[in-house]
Amino acid sequence: MSLTAWAAVVVFTGAYVLIATEKVDRVKVVLGGAVLMILIGATDGEHAFYDAEAGIDWNVLFLLLGMMLIVGVLKRTGVFEFVAIWAVKRARGQPFRVMVILVVVTAVASALLDNVTTILLIAPVTFLVCDRLGVKVVPFLIAETLASNIGGTATLVGDPPNIIIASRSGLTYPDFLVHLAPLVALLMVVFIGLCRVMFRSVFVYDPERAAQIMTLNEREAIRDKRLLIVSSIVLAAVTAAFVLHTVVHLEPSIVALVGALILMAVSGVDPHDVATEVEWPTLIFFAGLFVMVGSLVNTGVIDEISQAAAQAAEGRLAEAAVGMLWGSAALSAIVDNIPYVATMSPVVAELIAAEPDPMRAGSLWWALALGADLGGNATAVGASANVVALGLAERAGQPIGFWGFTRYGLITAAVTIGIATPYVVLRYFVFA
């Protein structure tokens, strides 16, 4: 590697250490790191702002912005309070049952929408639920975020890396359902068991609070029925466009932004008030992170890693699939999985070019998807949903530290990848 590439690695590593130690605000760290990448020549304005693989992913940023605006309007209807009361009443005030309901809803919604959008929608409900129960919100929010990354693995639109893989491989929405959804269902069952163990200290039942909650009428929480109807129609249309992404050929970011603008136009709400609901520090953090990771792509660092993996796996497809699974998980825990998958996809295509068996060849695509999606759970910056959840928690006055998230994420990632390993080997090589 060149001297610039090594300098980029040093800058990225230093920034990552600062984020992990939480000594400096993470937004300041990534902005400082992005500036240093430009100063050392690892990237420039052309690459940082306009390069699809080595620059800021505007699709992700505008998807987040659009959905944040939609959520900002939805908050004014009282629907989140409605769902919060409904969930707690169905669970009869039992904290663990509430977590199971929220986790399952999150996983299913992440498969239909995407994990980032789901966190934006479910987080306000979670804050209200935990307030009603008198329990700490952080364990619930972490559990939902981990579930969103697991659930999002099941479909083409559930996680941004899946969209990239589909465009490079030709795989379709049904392909993802057939190959990944059964495993995701199993992983969710295991994950619920993990939640019972990892967050056991928070499951304290308060009979008095439970009795008070059971007397509430969730219908009374709705403050503006007209706005709720309008918002529901727009959200349903946006969701349908997400699901039909390969049919309508519209980027999710365009769908979200158009939906948000239409909703604000027909709802009559003050745009300035809605804009205050946007997590601007989170968007800035993503922009800086994309520039830093893009610098590693631009200087060839990630390509070097990918090529080394390809050479090590040449001629041994089963070993390559397992290596791809665990290697992708490890790298996705450190760098954002979107640019990683974008860089690795051509390498996978080259590896399977000479493989006549489509089932065995497809194993590498599924290993890449599973490793990138599930590995994103390992650290607080491993997946977009994680970063969004941390931003929402900080805004609500319930900050989640890097290690506060990562200590649960590492366990979840290790267990889910461990289960995915025999699944890949047995399905695509033993019983193929």
Protein backbone atom coordinates (compact mmCIF):
# COMPACT_ATOMS: atom_id res chain seq x y z
CA MET A 1 0.00 0.00 0.00
CA SER A 2 1.05 3.59 -0.57
CA LEU A 3 2.13 5.99 2.15
CA THR A 4 -1.19 7.83 1.79
CA ALA A 5 -3.08 4.58 2.31
CA TRP A 6 -1.16 3.87 5.53
CA ALA A 7 -1.80 7.42 6.70
CA ALA A 8 -5.52 6.91 6.04
CA VAL A 9 -5.45 3.72 8.14
CA VAL A 10 -3.77 5.62 10.99
CA VAL A 11 -6.37 8.42 10.85
CA PHE A 12 -9.27 5.97 10.72
CA THR A 13 -7.88 3.87 13.57
CA GLY A 14 -7.29 6.95 15.71
CA ALA A 15 -10.82 8.20 15.10
CA TYR A 16 -12.26 4.78 15.90
CA VAL A 17 -10.33 4.61 19.17
CA LEU A 18 -11.61 8.06 20.17
CA ILE A 19 -15.19 7.02 19.40
CA ALA A 20 -14.76 3.81 21.39
CA THR A 21 -13.25 5.58 24.42
CA GLU A 22 -15.98 8.26 24.33
CA LYS A 23 -13.50 10.92 25.41
CA VAL A 24 -14.53 13.24 22.59
CA ASP A 25 -17.98 13.79 21.07
CA ARG A 26 -18.35 11.33 18.18
CA VAL A 27 -19.58 14.00 15.75
CA LYS A 28 -16.45 16.08 16.37
CA VAL A 29 -14.31 12.96 15.93
CA VAL A 30 -15.68 11.99 12.52
CA LEU A 31 -15.62 15.58 11.25
CA GLY A 32 -12.01 15.94 12.38
CA GLY A 33 -11.17 12.59 10.80
CA ALA A 34 -12.82 13.61 7.51
CA VAL A 35 -10.82 16.85 7.44
CA LEU A 36 -7.58 14.96 8.09
CA MET A 37 -8.38 12.52 5.27
CA ILE A 38 -8.67 15.48 2.89
CA LEU A 39 -5.48 17.12 4.19
CA ILE A 40 -3.38 13.96 3.74
CA GLY A 41 -4.73 13.47 0.21
CA ALA A 42 -6.70 10.28 0.95
CA THR A 43 -9.74 11.90 -0.65
CA ASP A 44 -10.82 15.20 -2.17
CA GLY A 45 -13.98 17.14 -2.92
CA GLU A 46 -14.68 15.19 -6.10
CA HIS A 47 -14.50 11.82 -4.37
CA ALA A 48 -16.05 12.88 -1.06
CA PHE A 49 -19.15 14.46 -2.60
CA TYR A 50 -19.65 12.76 -5.96
CA ASP A 51 -18.06 9.29 -5.93
CA ALA A 52 -20.72 6.57 -5.48
CA GLU A 53 -18.30 4.12 -3.85
CA ALA A 54 -15.78 6.36 -2.08
CA GLY A 55 -17.86 9.31 -0.97
CA ILE A 56 -20.89 10.35 1.04
CA ASP A 57 -23.85 8.07 0.41
CA TRP A 58 -26.49 10.71 -0.22
CA ASN A 59 -29.16 8.04 -0.66
CA VAL A 60 -28.72 6.99 2.95
CA LEU A 61 -28.65 10.57 4.26
CA PHE A 62 -31.75 11.65 2.35
CA LEU A 63 -33.58 8.44 3.26
CA LEU A 64 -32.91 9.27 6.90
CA LEU A 65 -33.94 12.90 6.44
CA GLY A 66 -37.19 11.98 4.70
CA MET A 67 -38.20 9.43 7.31
CA MET A 68 -37.26 11.77 10.18
CA LEU A 69 -39.60 14.38 8.73
CA ILE A 70 -42.41 11.82 8.37
CA VAL A 71 -41.90 10.70 11.98
CA GLY A 72 -41.94 14.34 13.06
CA VAL A 73 -45.43 14.73 11.58
CA LEU A 74 -46.63 11.38 12.96
CA LYS A 75 -45.67 12.42 16.48
CA ARG A 76 -48.34 15.11 16.37
CA THR A 77 -51.15 12.56 15.86
CA GLY A 78 -50.69 10.68 19.16
CA VAL A 79 -50.26 7.36 17.33
CA PHE A 80 -47.07 6.52 19.21
CA GLU A 81 -48.85 6.93 22.54
CA PHE A 82 -51.65 4.70 21.16
CA VAL A 83 -49.21 1.93 20.22
CA ALA A 84 -47.33 2.27 23.52
CA ILE A 85 -50.47 1.82 25.62
CA TRP A 86 -51.69 -1.00 23.39
CA ALA A 87 -48.39 -2.92 23.67
CA VAL A 88 -48.17 -2.55 27.45
CA LYS A 89 -51.80 -3.62 27.93
CA ARG A 90 -51.32 -6.69 25.72
CA ALA A 91 -48.28 -7.63 27.80
CA ARG A 92 -50.21 -6.89 31.02
CA GLY A 93 -47.41 -4.69 32.27
CA GLN A 94 -44.79 -7.47 32.18
CA PRO A 95 -41.51 -5.83 31.00
CA PHE A 96 -40.14 -8.96 29.30
CA ARG A 97 -43.38 -9.53 27.41
CA VAL A 98 -43.31 -5.89 26.33
CA MET A 99 -39.75 -6.31 25.04
CA VAL A 100 -40.75 -9.43 23.10
CA ILE A 101 -43.65 -7.58 21.45
CA LEU A 102 -41.49 -4.59 20.53
CA VAL A 103 -38.62 -6.77 19.30
CA VAL A 104 -40.86 -8.91 17.08
CA VAL A 105 -42.65 -5.85 15.68
CA THR A 106 -39.27 -4.25 14.98
CA ALA A 107 -37.91 -7.31 13.18
CA VAL A 108 -41.00 -7.70 10.97
CA ALA A 109 -41.14 -3.98 10.18
CA SER A 110 -37.42 -3.95 9.34
CA ALA A 111 -37.98 -6.70 6.78
CA LEU A 112 -40.83 -4.77 5.13
CA LEU A 113 -39.28 -1.29 5.33
CA ASP A 114 -35.63 -1.07 6.31
CA ASN A 115 -33.86 -1.16 9.66
CA VAL A 116 -33.17 2.58 9.87
CA THR A 117 -36.76 3.59 9.10
CA THR A 118 -38.06 1.07 11.62
CA ILE A 119 -35.87 2.44 14.42
CA LEU A 120 -37.09 5.96 13.66
CA LEU A 121 -40.69 4.74 14.00
CA ILE A 122 -40.32 2.40 16.98
CA ALA A 123 -38.05 4.56 19.19
CA PRO A 124 -40.75 7.12 20.15
CA VAL A 125 -43.03 4.24 21.16
CA THR A 126 -40.25 2.73 23.25
CA PHE A 127 -39.62 5.93 25.19
CA LEU A 128 -43.32 6.15 26.06
CA VAL A 129 -43.63 2.46 26.96
CA CYS A 130 -40.66 2.56 29.32
CA ASP A 131 -41.96 5.73 30.91
CA ARG A 132 -45.30 4.02 31.58
CA LEU A 133 -43.59 0.95 33.03
CA GLY A 134 -41.02 2.92 35.03
CA VAL A 135 -38.11 0.91 33.55
CA LYS A 136 -34.85 1.92 31.85
CA VAL A 137 -35.28 2.63 28.16
CA VAL A 138 -31.69 1.84 27.06
CA PRO A 139 -31.96 -2.00 27.18
CA PHE A 140 -35.22 -1.89 25.19
CA LEU A 141 -33.75 0.43 22.55
CA ILE A 142 -30.60 -1.70 22.19
CA ALA A 143 -32.69 -4.87 21.85
CA GLU A 144 -34.84 -3.27 19.15
CA THR A 145 -31.81 -2.04 17.24
CA LEU A 146 -30.23 -5.50 17.27
CA ALA A 147 -33.55 -7.01 16.18
CA SER A 148 -33.84 -4.49 13.34
CA ASN A 149 -30.51 -5.61 11.89
CA ILE A 150 -31.50 -9.27 12.18
CA GLY A 151 -34.97 -8.74 10.72
CA GLY A 152 -33.67 -6.51 7.94
CA THR A 153 -31.46 -9.36 6.74
CA ALA A 154 -34.51 -11.28 5.50
CA THR A 155 -35.44 -9.17 2.48
CA LEU A 156 -33.94 -7.21 -0.39
CA VAL A 157 -35.05 -3.85 1.06
CA GLY A 158 -34.45 -4.66 4.72
CA ASP A 159 -30.83 -3.51 4.85
CA PRO A 160 -28.95 -1.24 2.38
CA PRO A 161 -26.19 -3.84 1.73
CA ASN A 162 -28.87 -6.23 0.44
CA ILE A 163 -29.93 -3.67 -2.18
CA ILE A 164 -26.32 -3.40 -3.36
CA ILE A 165 -25.93 -7.19 -3.51
CA ALA A 166 -29.17 -7.55 -5.46
CA SER A 167 -28.11 -4.97 -8.05
CA ARG A 168 -24.70 -6.62 -8.55
CA SER A 169 -25.88 -10.25 -8.54
CA GLY A 170 -29.30 -10.14 -10.20
CA LEU A 171 -30.96 -11.71 -7.15
CA THR A 172 -34.63 -10.82 -6.66
CA TYR A 173 -36.92 -10.04 -3.71
CA PRO A 174 -38.26 -13.65 -3.64
CA ASP A 175 -34.68 -14.98 -3.71
CA PHE A 176 -33.88 -13.16 -0.47
CA LEU A 177 -37.08 -14.44 1.15
CA VAL A 178 -36.41 -18.05 0.17
CA HIS A 179 -32.75 -18.10 1.16
CA LEU A 180 -32.58 -15.80 4.18
CA ALA A 181 -36.04 -15.48 5.77
CA PRO A 182 -36.09 -19.06 7.27
CA LEU A 183 -32.73 -18.47 8.94
CA VAL A 184 -33.80 -15.02 10.20
CA ALA A 185 -36.92 -16.57 11.79
CA LEU A 186 -34.69 -19.02 13.68
CA LEU A 187 -32.27 -16.24 14.68
CA MET A 188 -35.13 -14.18 16.09
CA VAL A 189 -36.23 -17.04 18.32
CA VAL A 190 -32.67 -17.40 19.60
CA PHE A 191 -32.33 -13.63 20.00
CA ILE A 192 -35.45 -13.42 22.18
CA GLY A 193 -33.82 -16.01 24.45
CA LEU A 194 -30.65 -13.90 24.50
CA CYS A 195 -32.68 -10.84 25.50
CA ARG A 196 -34.07 -12.73 28.49
CA VAL A 197 -30.51 -13.33 29.68
CA MET A 198 -28.70 -10.15 28.60
CA PHE A 199 -31.31 -7.70 29.93
CA ARG A 200 -32.66 -9.71 32.86
CA SER A 201 -32.00 -6.95 35.39
CA VAL A 202 -34.54 -4.62 33.76
CA PHE A 203 -37.48 -7.03 33.89
CA VAL A 204 -38.89 -5.83 37.22
CA TYR A 205 -42.67 -6.12 37.41
CA ASP A 206 -44.54 -3.31 39.17
CA PRO A 207 -48.12 -4.44 39.96
CA GLU A 208 -49.34 -0.91 40.76
CA ARG A 209 -48.09 0.54 37.47
CA ALA A 210 -49.51 -2.43 35.59
CA ALA A 211 -52.92 -1.92 37.19
CA GLN A 212 -52.88 1.78 36.27
CA ILE A 213 -51.95 1.01 32.68
CA MET A 214 -54.76 -1.54 32.29
CA THR A 215 -57.29 1.22 33.07
CA LEU A 216 -56.06 3.43 30.20
CA ASN A 217 -57.93 3.73 26.91
CA GLU A 218 -55.47 3.84 24.05
CA ARG A 219 -58.05 5.44 21.73
CA GLU A 220 -57.97 8.59 23.85
CA ALA A 221 -54.29 9.05 22.96
CA ILE A 222 -55.14 10.03 19.37
CA ARG A 223 -55.05 13.83 19.24
CA ASP A 224 -55.64 14.50 15.54
CA LYS A 225 -57.62 11.87 13.60
CA ARG A 226 -57.47 13.73 10.29
CA LEU A 227 -53.69 14.07 10.47
CA LEU A 228 -53.43 10.39 11.44
CA ILE A 229 -55.43 9.32 8.38
CA VAL A 230 -53.38 11.51 6.04
CA SER A 231 -50.09 10.38 7.60
CA SER A 232 -51.13 6.72 7.43
CA ILE A 233 -51.95 6.99 3.73
CA VAL A 234 -48.60 8.63 2.94
CA LEU A 235 -46.66 6.15 5.09
CA ALA A 236 -48.46 3.21 3.45
CA ALA A 237 -47.59 4.58 0.00
CA VAL A 238 -43.96 5.07 1.01
CA THR A 239 -43.83 1.54 2.42
CA ALA A 240 -45.32 0.08 -0.77
CA ALA A 241 -42.73 1.94 -2.84
CA PHE A 242 -39.96 0.53 -0.63
CA VAL A 243 -41.23 -3.03 -1.10
CA LEU A 244 -41.66 -2.53 -4.86
CA HIS A 245 -38.23 -0.96 -5.19
CA THR A 246 -37.19 -3.25 -8.06
CA VAL A 247 -40.46 -2.60 -9.90
CA VAL A 248 -40.88 1.18 -9.57
CA HIS A 249 -37.12 1.82 -9.95
CA LEU A 250 -37.12 4.68 -7.45
CA GLU A 251 -34.37 5.03 -4.87
CA PRO A 252 -35.66 4.73 -1.28
CA SER A 253 -34.22 8.19 -0.59
CA ILE A 254 -36.38 9.73 -3.33
CA VAL A 255 -39.45 7.88 -2.05
CA ALA A 256 -38.87 9.05 1.53
CA LEU A 257 -38.20 12.68 0.58
CA VAL A 258 -41.19 12.91 -1.75
CA GLY A 259 -43.39 11.29 0.88
CA ALA A 260 -42.19 13.73 3.53
CA LEU A 261 -42.74 16.78 1.32
CA ILE A 262 -46.23 15.63 0.31
CA LEU A 263 -47.13 14.92 3.93
CA MET A 264 -45.98 18.35 5.10
CA ALA A 265 -47.80 20.02 2.22
CA VAL A 266 -51.20 18.36 2.84
CA SER A 267 -51.02 18.14 6.63
CA GLY A 268 -50.82 21.86 7.31
CA VAL A 269 -48.14 21.49 9.99
CA ASP A 270 -45.43 24.13 10.38
CA PRO A 271 -42.31 22.90 8.48
CA HIS A 272 -40.06 24.75 10.93
CA ASP A 273 -41.52 22.78 13.84
CA VAL A 274 -41.11 19.49 11.98
CA ALA A 275 -37.50 20.35 11.10
CA THR A 276 -36.68 20.50 14.82
CA GLU A 277 -37.48 16.76 15.00
CA VAL A 278 -34.65 15.92 12.59
CA GLU A 279 -31.55 14.35 14.17
CA TRP A 280 -29.08 16.72 12.52
CA PRO A 281 -26.05 15.52 14.56
CA THR A 282 -26.74 11.96 13.39
CA LEU A 283 -26.83 13.03 9.73
CA ILE A 284 -23.57 14.96 10.19
CA PHE A 285 -21.98 11.94 11.87
CA PHE A 286 -22.93 9.75 8.90
CA ALA A 287 -21.48 12.25 6.44
CA GLY A 288 -18.14 12.32 8.26
CA LEU A 289 -18.08 8.54 8.63
CA PHE A 290 -18.78 8.06 4.91
CA VAL A 291 -15.87 10.36 4.04
CA MET A 292 -13.49 8.45 6.34
CA VAL A 293 -14.54 5.00 5.11
CA GLY A 294 -14.59 6.29 1.53
CA SER A 295 -10.98 7.37 1.98
CA LEU A 296 -10.07 3.76 2.79
CA VAL A 297 -11.88 2.72 -0.39
CA ASN A 298 -10.27 5.50 -2.44
CA THR A 299 -6.73 4.66 -1.30
CA GLY A 300 -7.24 0.95 -1.99
CA VAL A 301 -7.13 -0.26 1.62
CA ILE A 302 -10.45 -2.13 1.51
CA ASP A 303 -9.67 -3.41 -1.98
CA GLU A 304 -6.37 -4.84 -0.68
CA ILE A 305 -8.25 -6.66 2.06
CA SER A 306 -10.85 -7.95 -0.40
CA GLN A 307 -8.25 -9.19 -2.89
CA ALA A 308 -6.30 -10.93 -0.14
CA ALA A 309 -9.48 -12.71 0.91
CA ALA A 310 -10.20 -13.70 -2.69
CA GLN A 311 -6.72 -15.15 -3.18
CA ALA A 312 -6.89 -17.09 0.07
CA ALA A 313 -10.25 -18.61 -0.90
CA GLU A 314 -9.47 -19.42 -4.54
CA GLY A 315 -10.58 -22.93 -5.48
CA ARG A 316 -12.15 -23.71 -2.09
CA LEU A 317 -15.72 -22.46 -2.30
CA ALA A 318 -17.02 -23.91 0.97
CA GLU A 319 -14.11 -22.48 2.93
CA ALA A 320 -14.53 -19.24 0.99
CA ALA A 321 -18.19 -19.00 2.01
CA VAL A 322 -17.37 -19.47 5.70
CA GLY A 323 -14.46 -17.05 5.43
CA MET A 324 -16.69 -14.56 3.64
CA LEU A 325 -19.30 -14.86 6.39
CA TRP A 326 -16.95 -14.27 9.31
CA GLY A 327 -14.65 -11.85 7.48
CA SER A 328 -17.58 -9.69 6.39
CA ALA A 329 -18.93 -9.74 9.94
CA ALA A 330 -15.58 -8.62 11.37
CA LEU A 331 -15.09 -5.81 8.85
CA SER A 332 -18.71 -4.65 9.02
CA ALA A 333 -18.29 -4.25 12.77
CA ILE A 334 -15.48 -1.76 12.17
CA VAL A 335 -16.39 0.06 8.95
CA ASP A 336 -19.85 0.87 7.67
CA ASN A 337 -21.19 -2.17 5.83
CA ILE A 338 -22.51 -0.17 2.84
CA PRO A 339 -19.14 0.83 1.26
CA TYR A 340 -17.68 -2.53 2.31
CA VAL A 341 -20.34 -4.48 0.40
CA ALA A 342 -20.05 -2.13 -2.58
CA THR A 343 -16.31 -2.88 -2.72
CA MET A 344 -16.60 -6.61 -2.07
CA SER A 345 -19.37 -7.33 -4.58
CA PRO A 346 -17.11 -7.30 -7.68
CA VAL A 347 -14.69 -9.63 -5.87
CA VAL A 348 -17.52 -12.09 -5.15
CA ALA A 349 -18.67 -11.92 -8.78
CA GLU A 350 -15.13 -12.77 -9.89
CA LEU A 351 -14.84 -15.66 -7.42
CA ILE A 352 -18.02 -17.38 -8.61
CA ALA A 353 -17.58 -16.67 -12.33
CA ALA A 354 -16.14 -20.14 -13.03
CA GLU A 355 -18.54 -22.06 -10.74
CA PRO A 356 -21.11 -24.03 -12.83
CA ASP A 357 -23.37 -24.92 -9.88
CA PRO A 358 -25.67 -21.92 -9.21
CA MET A 359 -26.46 -23.10 -5.67
CA ARG A 360 -22.79 -23.27 -4.66
CA ALA A 361 -22.03 -20.02 -6.47
CA GLY A 362 -24.91 -18.26 -4.70
CA SER A 363 -23.53 -19.29 -1.33
CA LEU A 364 -20.96 -16.49 -1.48
CA TRP A 365 -23.63 -13.85 -2.08
CA TRP A 366 -25.67 -15.10 0.88
CA ALA A 367 -22.55 -15.34 3.06
CA LEU A 368 -21.68 -11.74 2.16
CA ALA A 369 -25.21 -10.56 3.00
CA LEU A 370 -25.36 -12.46 6.29
CA GLY A 371 -21.89 -11.37 7.38
CA ALA A 372 -22.43 -7.71 6.53
CA ASP A 373 -25.96 -7.47 7.98
CA LEU A 374 -25.50 -9.54 11.15
CA GLY A 375 -21.94 -8.33 11.73
CA GLY A 376 -23.25 -4.78 11.83
CA ASN A 377 -24.69 -5.60 15.26
CA ALA A 378 -21.24 -6.06 16.77
CA THR A 379 -20.43 -2.41 17.51
CA ALA A 380 -22.22 0.89 17.97
CA VAL A 381 -21.05 2.13 14.54
CA GLY A 382 -21.33 -1.16 12.64
CA ALA A 383 -24.72 -0.42 11.06
CA SER A 384 -26.73 2.66 10.19
CA ALA A 385 -29.55 1.67 12.55
CA ASN A 386 -27.10 1.57 15.48
CA VAL A 387 -25.92 5.13 14.86
CA VAL A 388 -29.50 6.37 14.52
CA ALA A 389 -30.54 4.67 17.77
CA LEU A 390 -27.62 6.25 19.64
CA GLY A 391 -28.58 9.66 18.28
CA LEU A 392 -32.22 9.26 19.32
CA ALA A 393 -31.23 8.10 22.79
CA GLU A 394 -28.88 11.04 23.28
CA ARG A 395 -31.57 13.48 22.15
CA ALA A 396 -34.00 11.97 24.66
CA GLY A 397 -31.52 12.41 27.52
CA GLN A 398 -30.82 8.66 27.76
CA PRO A 399 -27.37 8.37 26.10
CA ILE A 400 -26.00 4.98 25.09
CA GLY A 401 -22.22 4.76 25.20
CA PHE A 402 -20.11 2.95 22.61
CA TRP A 403 -19.39 0.05 24.95
CA GLY A 404 -22.87 0.23 26.46
CA PHE A 405 -24.13 -0.92 23.06
CA THR A 406 -21.16 -2.99 21.91
CA ARG A 407 -21.07 -5.38 24.87
CA TYR A 408 -24.52 -6.65 23.87
CA GLY A 409 -23.91 -6.30 20.15
CA LEU A 410 -20.79 -8.47 20.20
CA ILE A 411 -22.64 -11.31 21.92
CA THR A 412 -25.56 -11.07 19.51
CA ALA A 413 -23.33 -10.92 16.43
CA ALA A 414 -21.20 -13.87 17.56
CA VAL A 415 -24.23 -16.06 18.32
CA THR A 416 -26.11 -15.22 15.11
CA ILE A 417 -23.05 -15.62 12.87
CA GLY A 418 -22.30 -18.87 14.70
CA ILE A 419 -25.77 -20.18 13.80
CA ALA A 420 -25.52 -18.87 10.23
CA THR A 421 -22.27 -20.80 9.65
CA PRO A 422 -23.72 -24.36 9.68
CA TYR A 423 -26.76 -23.03 7.79
CA VAL A 424 -24.56 -21.88 4.89
CA VAL A 425 -22.45 -25.06 4.90
CA LEU A 426 -25.36 -27.48 5.14
CA ARG A 427 -27.75 -25.75 2.74
CA TYR A 428 -25.33 -24.88 -0.03
CA PHE A 429 -22.73 -27.64 0.16
CA VAL A 430 -23.84 -30.70 2.14
CA PHE A 431 -27.48 -30.90 1.02
CA ALA A 432 -27.17 -28.89 -2.21
